[in-house]
Amino acid sequence: MIVFVNDQPKELESHVNLSQLVGMLGLTDAKGQALALNNRVIPRSKFEETLLHEGDQILIIQATQGG
């Protein structure tokens, strides 16, 4: 199946959850990040149970520090 990560197509096996996607992208230790699935922020506690589907839009949001 094809999903879009920050508007870039990514081909995945079926039955992939957000937790697995985070691992595939190498973001498991990333701090200050949030993921939005189809314009809805998903808490990390829900990554394991959130299955991805064909055409889903995933946005990785990185907090930045500054003033």
PDB file of N, CA and C in Angstrom:
ATOM      1  N   MET A   1       0.847  -1.182   0.000  1.00  0.00           N
ATOM      2  CA  MET A   1       0.000   0.000   0.000  1.00  0.00           C
ATOM      3  C   MET A   1       0.887   1.238   0.000  1.00  0.00           C
ATOM      4  N   ILE A   2       0.339   2.325  -0.448  1.00  0.00           N
ATOM      5  CA  ILE A   2       1.054   3.600  -0.484  1.00  0.00           C
ATOM      6  C   ILE A   2       0.424   4.542   0.544  1.00  0.00           C
ATOM      7  N   VAL A   3       1.283   5.109   1.402  1.00  0.00           N
ATOM      8  CA  VAL A   3       0.887   6.189   2.304  1.00  0.00           C
ATOM      9  C   VAL A   3       1.800   7.371   1.996  1.00  0.00           C
ATOM     10  N   PHE A   4       1.475   8.521   2.523  1.00  0.00           N
ATOM     11  CA  PHE A   4       2.274   9.716   2.264  1.00  0.00           C
ATOM     12  C   PHE A   4       2.824  10.247   3.583  1.00  0.00           C
ATOM     13  N   VAL A   5       4.148  10.333   3.671  1.00  0.00           N
ATOM     14  CA  VAL A   5       4.829  10.842   4.853  1.00  0.00           C
ATOM     15  C   VAL A   5       5.413  12.199   4.478  1.00  0.00           C
ATOM     16  N   ASN A   6       4.887  13.251   5.100  1.00  0.00           N
ATOM     17  CA  ASN A   6       5.277  14.624   4.737  1.00  0.00           C
ATOM     18  C   ASN A   6       5.198  14.819   3.223  1.00  0.00           C
ATOM     19  N   ASP A   7       4.089  14.392   2.653  1.00  0.00           N
ATOM     20  CA  ASP A   7       3.750  14.525   1.228  1.00  0.00           C
ATOM     21  C   ASP A   7       4.601  13.664   0.295  1.00  0.00           C
ATOM     22  N   GLN A   8       5.436  12.789   0.835  1.00  0.00           N
ATOM     23  CA  GLN A   8       6.256  11.894   0.015  1.00  0.00           C
ATOM     24  C   GLN A   8       5.653  10.492   0.065  1.00  0.00           C
ATOM     25  N   PRO A   9       5.439   9.868  -1.106  1.00  0.00           N
ATOM     26  CA  PRO A   9       4.863   8.524  -1.101  1.00  0.00           C
ATOM     27  C   PRO A   9       5.828   7.519  -0.478  1.00  0.00           C
ATOM     28  N   LYS A  10       5.266   6.606   0.294  1.00  0.00           N
ATOM     29  CA  LYS A  10       6.055   5.550   0.933  1.00  0.00           C
ATOM     30  C   LYS A  10       5.272   4.254   0.783  1.00  0.00           C
ATOM     31  N   GLU A  11       5.918   3.254   0.208  1.00  0.00           N
ATOM     32  CA  GLU A  11       5.263   1.964   0.027  1.00  0.00           C
ATOM     33  C   GLU A  11       5.487   1.105   1.260  1.00  0.00           C
ATOM     34  N   LEU A  12       4.395   0.560   1.787  1.00  0.00           N
ATOM     35  CA  LEU A  12       4.436  -0.261   2.988  1.00  0.00           C
ATOM     36  C   LEU A  12       3.689  -1.561   2.749  1.00  0.00           C
ATOM     37  N   GLU A  13       4.011  -2.555   3.553  1.00  0.00           N
ATOM     38  CA  GLU A  13       3.211  -3.777   3.596  1.00  0.00           C
ATOM     39  C   GLU A  13       1.846  -3.410   4.181  1.00  0.00           C
ATOM     40  N   SER A  14       0.880  -4.279   4.008  1.00  0.00           N
ATOM     41  CA  SER A  14      -0.408  -4.029   4.656  1.00  0.00           C
ATOM     42  C   SER A  14      -0.289  -4.373   6.139  1.00  0.00           C
ATOM     43  N   HIS A  15      -1.205  -3.888   6.936  1.00  0.00           N
ATOM     44  CA  HIS A  15      -1.262  -4.131   8.380  1.00  0.00           C
ATOM     45  C   HIS A  15      -0.064  -3.536   9.129  1.00  0.00           C
ATOM     46  N   VAL A  16       0.352  -2.343   8.732  1.00  0.00           N
ATOM     47  CA  VAL A  16       1.433  -1.629   9.423  1.00  0.00           C
ATOM     48  C   VAL A  16       0.786  -0.600  10.335  1.00  0.00           C
ATOM     49  N   ASN A  17       1.293  -0.508  11.571  1.00  0.00           N
ATOM     50  CA  ASN A  17       0.768   0.501  12.486  1.00  0.00           C
ATOM     51  C   ASN A  17       1.759   1.668  12.586  1.00  0.00           C
ATOM     52  N   LEU A  18       1.340   2.723  13.266  1.00  0.00           N
ATOM     53  CA  LEU A  18       2.191   3.915  13.385  1.00  0.00           C
ATOM     54  C   LEU A  18       3.498   3.609  14.101  1.00  0.00           C
ATOM     55  N   SER A  19       3.470   2.750  15.082  1.00  0.00           N
ATOM     56  CA  SER A  19       4.681   2.384  15.808  1.00  0.00           C
ATOM     57  C   SER A  19       5.698   1.734  14.865  1.00  0.00           C
ATOM     58  N   GLN A  20       5.237   0.845  14.013  1.00  0.00           N
ATOM     59  CA  GLN A  20       6.124   0.201  13.048  1.00  0.00           C
ATOM     60  C   GLN A  20       6.674   1.215  12.048  1.00  0.00           C
ATOM     61  N   LEU A  21       5.837   2.129  11.596  1.00  0.00           N
ATOM     62  CA  LEU A  21       6.295   3.165  10.667  1.00  0.00           C
ATOM     63  C   LEU A  21       7.381   4.016  11.303  1.00  0.00           C
ATOM     64  N   VAL A  22       7.193   4.402  12.555  1.00  0.00           N
ATOM     65  CA  VAL A  22       8.192   5.193  13.271  1.00  0.00           C
ATOM     66  C   VAL A  22       9.526   4.442  13.292  1.00  0.00           C
ATOM     67  N   GLY A  23       9.484   3.144  13.544  1.00  0.00           N
ATOM     68  CA  GLY A  23      10.695   2.331  13.532  1.00  0.00           C
ATOM     69  C   GLY A  23      11.338   2.288  12.158  1.00  0.00           C
ATOM     70  N   MET A  24      10.533   2.131  11.109  1.00  0.00           N
ATOM     71  CA  MET A  24      11.051   2.094   9.734  1.00  0.00           C
ATOM     72  C   MET A  24      11.737   3.404   9.363  1.00  0.00           C
ATOM     73  N   LEU A  25      11.221   4.495   9.903  1.00  0.00           N
ATOM     74  CA  LEU A  25      11.768   5.816   9.586  1.00  0.00           C
ATOM     75  C   LEU A  25      12.935   6.193  10.493  1.00  0.00           C
ATOM     76  N   GLY A  26      13.242   5.338  11.466  1.00  0.00           N
ATOM     77  CA  GLY A  26      14.356   5.604  12.384  1.00  0.00           C
ATOM     78  C   GLY A  26      14.075   6.710  13.373  1.00  0.00           C
ATOM     79  N   LEU A  27      12.829   6.875  13.756  1.00  0.00           N
ATOM     80  CA  LEU A  27      12.435   7.977  14.641  1.00  0.00           C
ATOM     81  C   LEU A  27      12.104   7.519  16.050  1.00  0.00           C
ATOM     82  N   THR A  28      12.495   6.304  16.424  1.00  0.00           N
ATOM     83  CA  THR A  28      12.090   5.757  17.720  1.00  0.00           C
ATOM     84  C   THR A  28      12.641   6.549  18.903  1.00  0.00           C
ATOM     85  N   ASP A  29      13.822   7.145  18.772  1.00  0.00           N
ATOM     86  CA  ASP A  29      14.421   7.901  19.872  1.00  0.00           C
ATOM     87  C   ASP A  29      14.269   9.405  19.709  1.00  0.00           C
ATOM     88  N   ALA A  30      13.501   9.817  18.733  1.00  0.00           N
ATOM     89  CA  ALA A  30      13.366  11.245  18.450  1.00  0.00           C
ATOM     90  C   ALA A  30      12.551  11.943  19.531  1.00  0.00           C
ATOM     91  N   LYS A  31      13.061  13.041  19.999  1.00  0.00           N
ATOM     92  CA  LYS A  31      12.363  13.855  21.006  1.00  0.00           C
ATOM     93  C   LYS A  31      11.740  15.066  20.319  1.00  0.00           C
ATOM     94  N   GLY A  32      10.675  15.557  20.890  1.00  0.00           N
ATOM     95  CA  GLY A  32      10.044  16.763  20.368  1.00  0.00           C
ATOM     96  C   GLY A  32       9.331  16.568  19.045  1.00  0.00           C
ATOM     97  N   GLN A  33       8.874  15.337  18.794  1.00  0.00           N
ATOM     98  CA  GLN A  33       8.154  15.076  17.557  1.00  0.00           C
ATOM     99  C   GLN A  33       6.735  14.651  17.849  1.00  0.00           C
ATOM    100  N   ALA A  34       5.867  14.984  16.934  1.00  0.00           N
ATOM    101  CA  ALA A  34       4.481  14.545  16.987  1.00  0.00           C
ATOM    102  C   ALA A  34       4.114  14.037  15.597  1.00  0.00           C
ATOM    103  N   LEU A  35       3.160  13.127  15.548  1.00  0.00           N
ATOM    104  CA  LEU A  35       2.676  12.616  14.271  1.00  0.00           C
ATOM    105  C   LEU A  35       1.198  12.937  14.132  1.00  0.00           C
ATOM    106  N   ALA A  36       0.852  13.427  12.963  1.00  0.00           N
ATOM    107  CA  ALA A  36      -0.552  13.649  12.643  1.00  0.00           C
ATOM    108  C   ALA A  36      -0.923  12.673  11.537  1.00  0.00           C
ATOM    109  N   LEU A  37      -2.023  12.004  11.713  1.00  0.00           N
ATOM    110  CA  LEU A  37      -2.549  11.071  10.721  1.00  0.00           C
ATOM    111  C   LEU A  37      -3.843  11.657  10.185  1.00  0.00           C
ATOM    112  N   ASN A  38      -3.823  11.971   8.903  1.00  0.00           N
ATOM    113  CA  ASN A  38      -5.000  12.569   8.264  1.00  0.00           C
ATOM    114  C   ASN A  38      -5.510  13.780   9.051  1.00  0.00           C
ATOM    115  N   ASN A  39      -4.567  14.669   9.374  1.00  0.00           N
ATOM    116  CA  ASN A  39      -4.846  15.945  10.053  1.00  0.00           C
ATOM    117  C   ASN A  39      -5.284  15.805  11.507  1.00  0.00           C
ATOM    118  N   ARG A  40      -4.983  14.666  12.134  1.00  0.00           N
ATOM    119  CA  ARG A  40      -5.308  14.454  13.542  1.00  0.00           C
ATOM    120  C   ARG A  40      -4.062  13.988  14.275  1.00  0.00           C
ATOM    121  N   VAL A  41      -3.625  14.733  15.286  1.00  0.00           N
ATOM    122  CA  VAL A  41      -2.445  14.346  16.058  1.00  0.00           C
ATOM    123  C   VAL A  41      -2.780  13.082  16.844  1.00  0.00           C
ATOM    124  N   ILE A  42      -1.862  12.103  16.748  1.00  0.00           N
ATOM    125  CA  ILE A  42      -2.043  10.826  17.437  1.00  0.00           C
ATOM    126  C   ILE A  42      -1.042  10.756  18.587  1.00  0.00           C
ATOM    127  N   PRO A  43      -1.519  10.534  19.817  1.00  0.00           N
ATOM    128  CA  PRO A  43      -0.584  10.407  20.942  1.00  0.00           C
ATOM    129  C   PRO A  43       0.261   9.142  20.799  1.00  0.00           C
ATOM    130  N   ARG A  44       1.507   9.202  21.276  1.00  0.00           N
ATOM    131  CA  ARG A  44       2.403   8.034  21.199  1.00  0.00           C
ATOM    132  C   ARG A  44       1.782   6.788  21.823  1.00  0.00           C
ATOM    133  N   SER A  45       0.973   6.978  22.835  1.00  0.00           N
ATOM    134  CA  SER A  45       0.337   5.837  23.492  1.00  0.00           C
ATOM    135  C   SER A  45      -0.624   5.088  22.566  1.00  0.00           C
ATOM    136  N   LYS A  46      -1.008   5.704  21.452  1.00  0.00           N
ATOM    137  CA  LYS A  46      -1.940   5.092  20.498  1.00  0.00           C
ATOM    138  C   LYS A  46      -1.242   4.587  19.226  1.00  0.00           C
ATOM    139  N   PHE A  47       0.075   4.776  19.106  1.00  0.00           N
ATOM    140  CA  PHE A  47       0.786   4.383  17.885  1.00  0.00           C
ATOM    141  C   PHE A  47       0.618   2.893  17.580  1.00  0.00           C
ATOM    142  N   GLU A  48       0.729   2.055  18.597  1.00  0.00           N
ATOM    143  CA  GLU A  48       0.676   0.606  18.404  1.00  0.00           C
ATOM    144  C   GLU A  48      -0.675   0.155  17.857  1.00  0.00           C
ATOM    145  N   GLU A  49      -1.739   0.786  18.296  1.00  0.00           N
ATOM    146  CA  GLU A  49      -3.079   0.356  17.887  1.00  0.00           C
ATOM    147  C   GLU A  49      -3.610   1.093  16.656  1.00  0.00           C
ATOM    148  N   THR A  50      -2.847   2.044  16.123  1.00  0.00           N
ATOM    149  CA  THR A  50      -3.308   2.832  14.982  1.00  0.00           C
ATOM    150  C   THR A  50      -2.770   2.243  13.681  1.00  0.00           C
ATOM    151  N   LEU A  51      -3.636   1.497  12.980  1.00  0.00           N
ATOM    152  CA  LEU A  51      -3.249   0.888  11.704  1.00  0.00           C
ATOM    153  C   LEU A  51      -3.313   1.918  10.583  1.00  0.00           C
ATOM    154  N   LEU A  52      -2.387   1.787   9.652  1.00  0.00           N
ATOM    155  CA  LEU A  52      -2.361   2.662   8.480  1.00  0.00           C
ATOM    156  C   LEU A  52      -3.140   2.015   7.343  1.00  0.00           C
ATOM    157  N   HIS A  53      -3.692   2.868   6.483  1.00  0.00           N
ATOM    158  CA  HIS A  53      -4.483   2.411   5.345  1.00  0.00           C
ATOM    159  C   HIS A  53      -4.005   3.105   4.075  1.00  0.00           C
ATOM    160  N   GLU A  54      -4.323   2.516   2.951  1.00  0.00           N
ATOM    161  CA  GLU A  54      -3.972   3.054   1.639  1.00  0.00           C
ATOM    162  C   GLU A  54      -4.348   4.535   1.569  1.00  0.00           C
ATOM    163  N   GLY A  55      -3.376   5.363   1.161  1.00  0.00           N
ATOM    164  CA  GLY A  55      -3.631   6.779   0.948  1.00  0.00           C
ATOM    165  C   GLY A  55      -3.552   7.654   2.187  1.00  0.00           C
ATOM    166  N   ASP A  56      -3.291   7.060   3.361  1.00  0.00           N
ATOM    167  CA  ASP A  56      -3.196   7.866   4.571  1.00  0.00           C
ATOM    168  C   ASP A  56      -2.112   8.932   4.434  1.00  0.00           C
ATOM    169  N   GLN A  57      -2.355  10.067   5.059  1.00  0.00           N
ATOM    170  CA  GLN A  57      -1.416  11.184   5.081  1.00  0.00           C
ATOM    171  C   GLN A  57      -0.830  11.293   6.485  1.00  0.00           C
ATOM    172  N   ILE A  58       0.488  11.121   6.589  1.00  0.00           N
ATOM    173  CA  ILE A  58       1.166  11.225   7.873  1.00  0.00           C
ATOM    174  C   ILE A  58       2.059  12.461   7.829  1.00  0.00           C
ATOM    175  N   LEU A  59       1.911  13.311   8.824  1.00  0.00           N
ATOM    176  CA  LEU A  59       2.729  14.510   8.925  1.00  0.00           C
ATOM    177  C   LEU A  59       3.577  14.390  10.178  1.00  0.00           C
ATOM    178  N   ILE A  60       4.893  14.491  10.019  1.00  0.00           N
ATOM    179  CA  ILE A  60       5.809  14.458  11.149  1.00  0.00           C
ATOM    180  C   ILE A  60       6.109  15.904  11.513  1.00  0.00           C
ATOM    181  N   ILE A  61       5.784  16.256  12.753  1.00  0.00           N
ATOM    182  CA  ILE A  61       5.939  17.620  13.225  1.00  0.00           C
ATOM    183  C   ILE A  61       7.104  17.640  14.209  1.00  0.00           C
ATOM    184  N   GLN A  62       8.099  18.475  13.935  1.00  0.00           N
ATOM    185  CA  GLN A  62       9.289  18.578  14.785  1.00  0.00           C
ATOM    186  C   GLN A  62       9.244  19.905  15.531  1.00  0.00           C
ATOM    187  N   ALA A  63       9.263  19.823  16.858  1.00  0.00           N
ATOM    188  CA  ALA A  63       9.329  21.037  17.668  1.00  0.00           C
ATOM    189  C   ALA A  63      10.726  21.644  17.527  1.00  0.00           C
ATOM    190  N   THR A  64      10.781  22.944  17.462  1.00  0.00           N
ATOM    191  CA  THR A  64      12.067  23.636  17.385  1.00  0.00           C
ATOM    192  C   THR A  64      12.183  24.586  18.560  1.00  0.00           C
ATOM    193  N   GLN A  65      13.410  24.861  18.904  1.00  0.00           N
ATOM    194  CA  GLN A  65      13.674  25.749  20.027  1.00  0.00           C
ATOM    195  C   GLN A  65      14.207  27.068  19.476  1.00  0.00           C
ATOM    196  N   GLY A  66      13.794  28.126  20.056  1.00  0.00           N
ATOM    197  CA  GLY A  66      14.275  29.421  19.598  1.00  0.00           C
ATOM    198  C   GLY A  66      13.542  30.533  20.322  1.00  0.00           C
ATOM    199  N   GLY A  67      13.840  31.720  19.926  1.00  0.00           N
ATOM    200  CA  GLY A  67      13.209  32.810  20.640  1.00  0.00           C
ATOM    201  C   GLY A  67      13.057  34.015  19.819  1.00  0.00           C
TER     202      GLY A  67
END
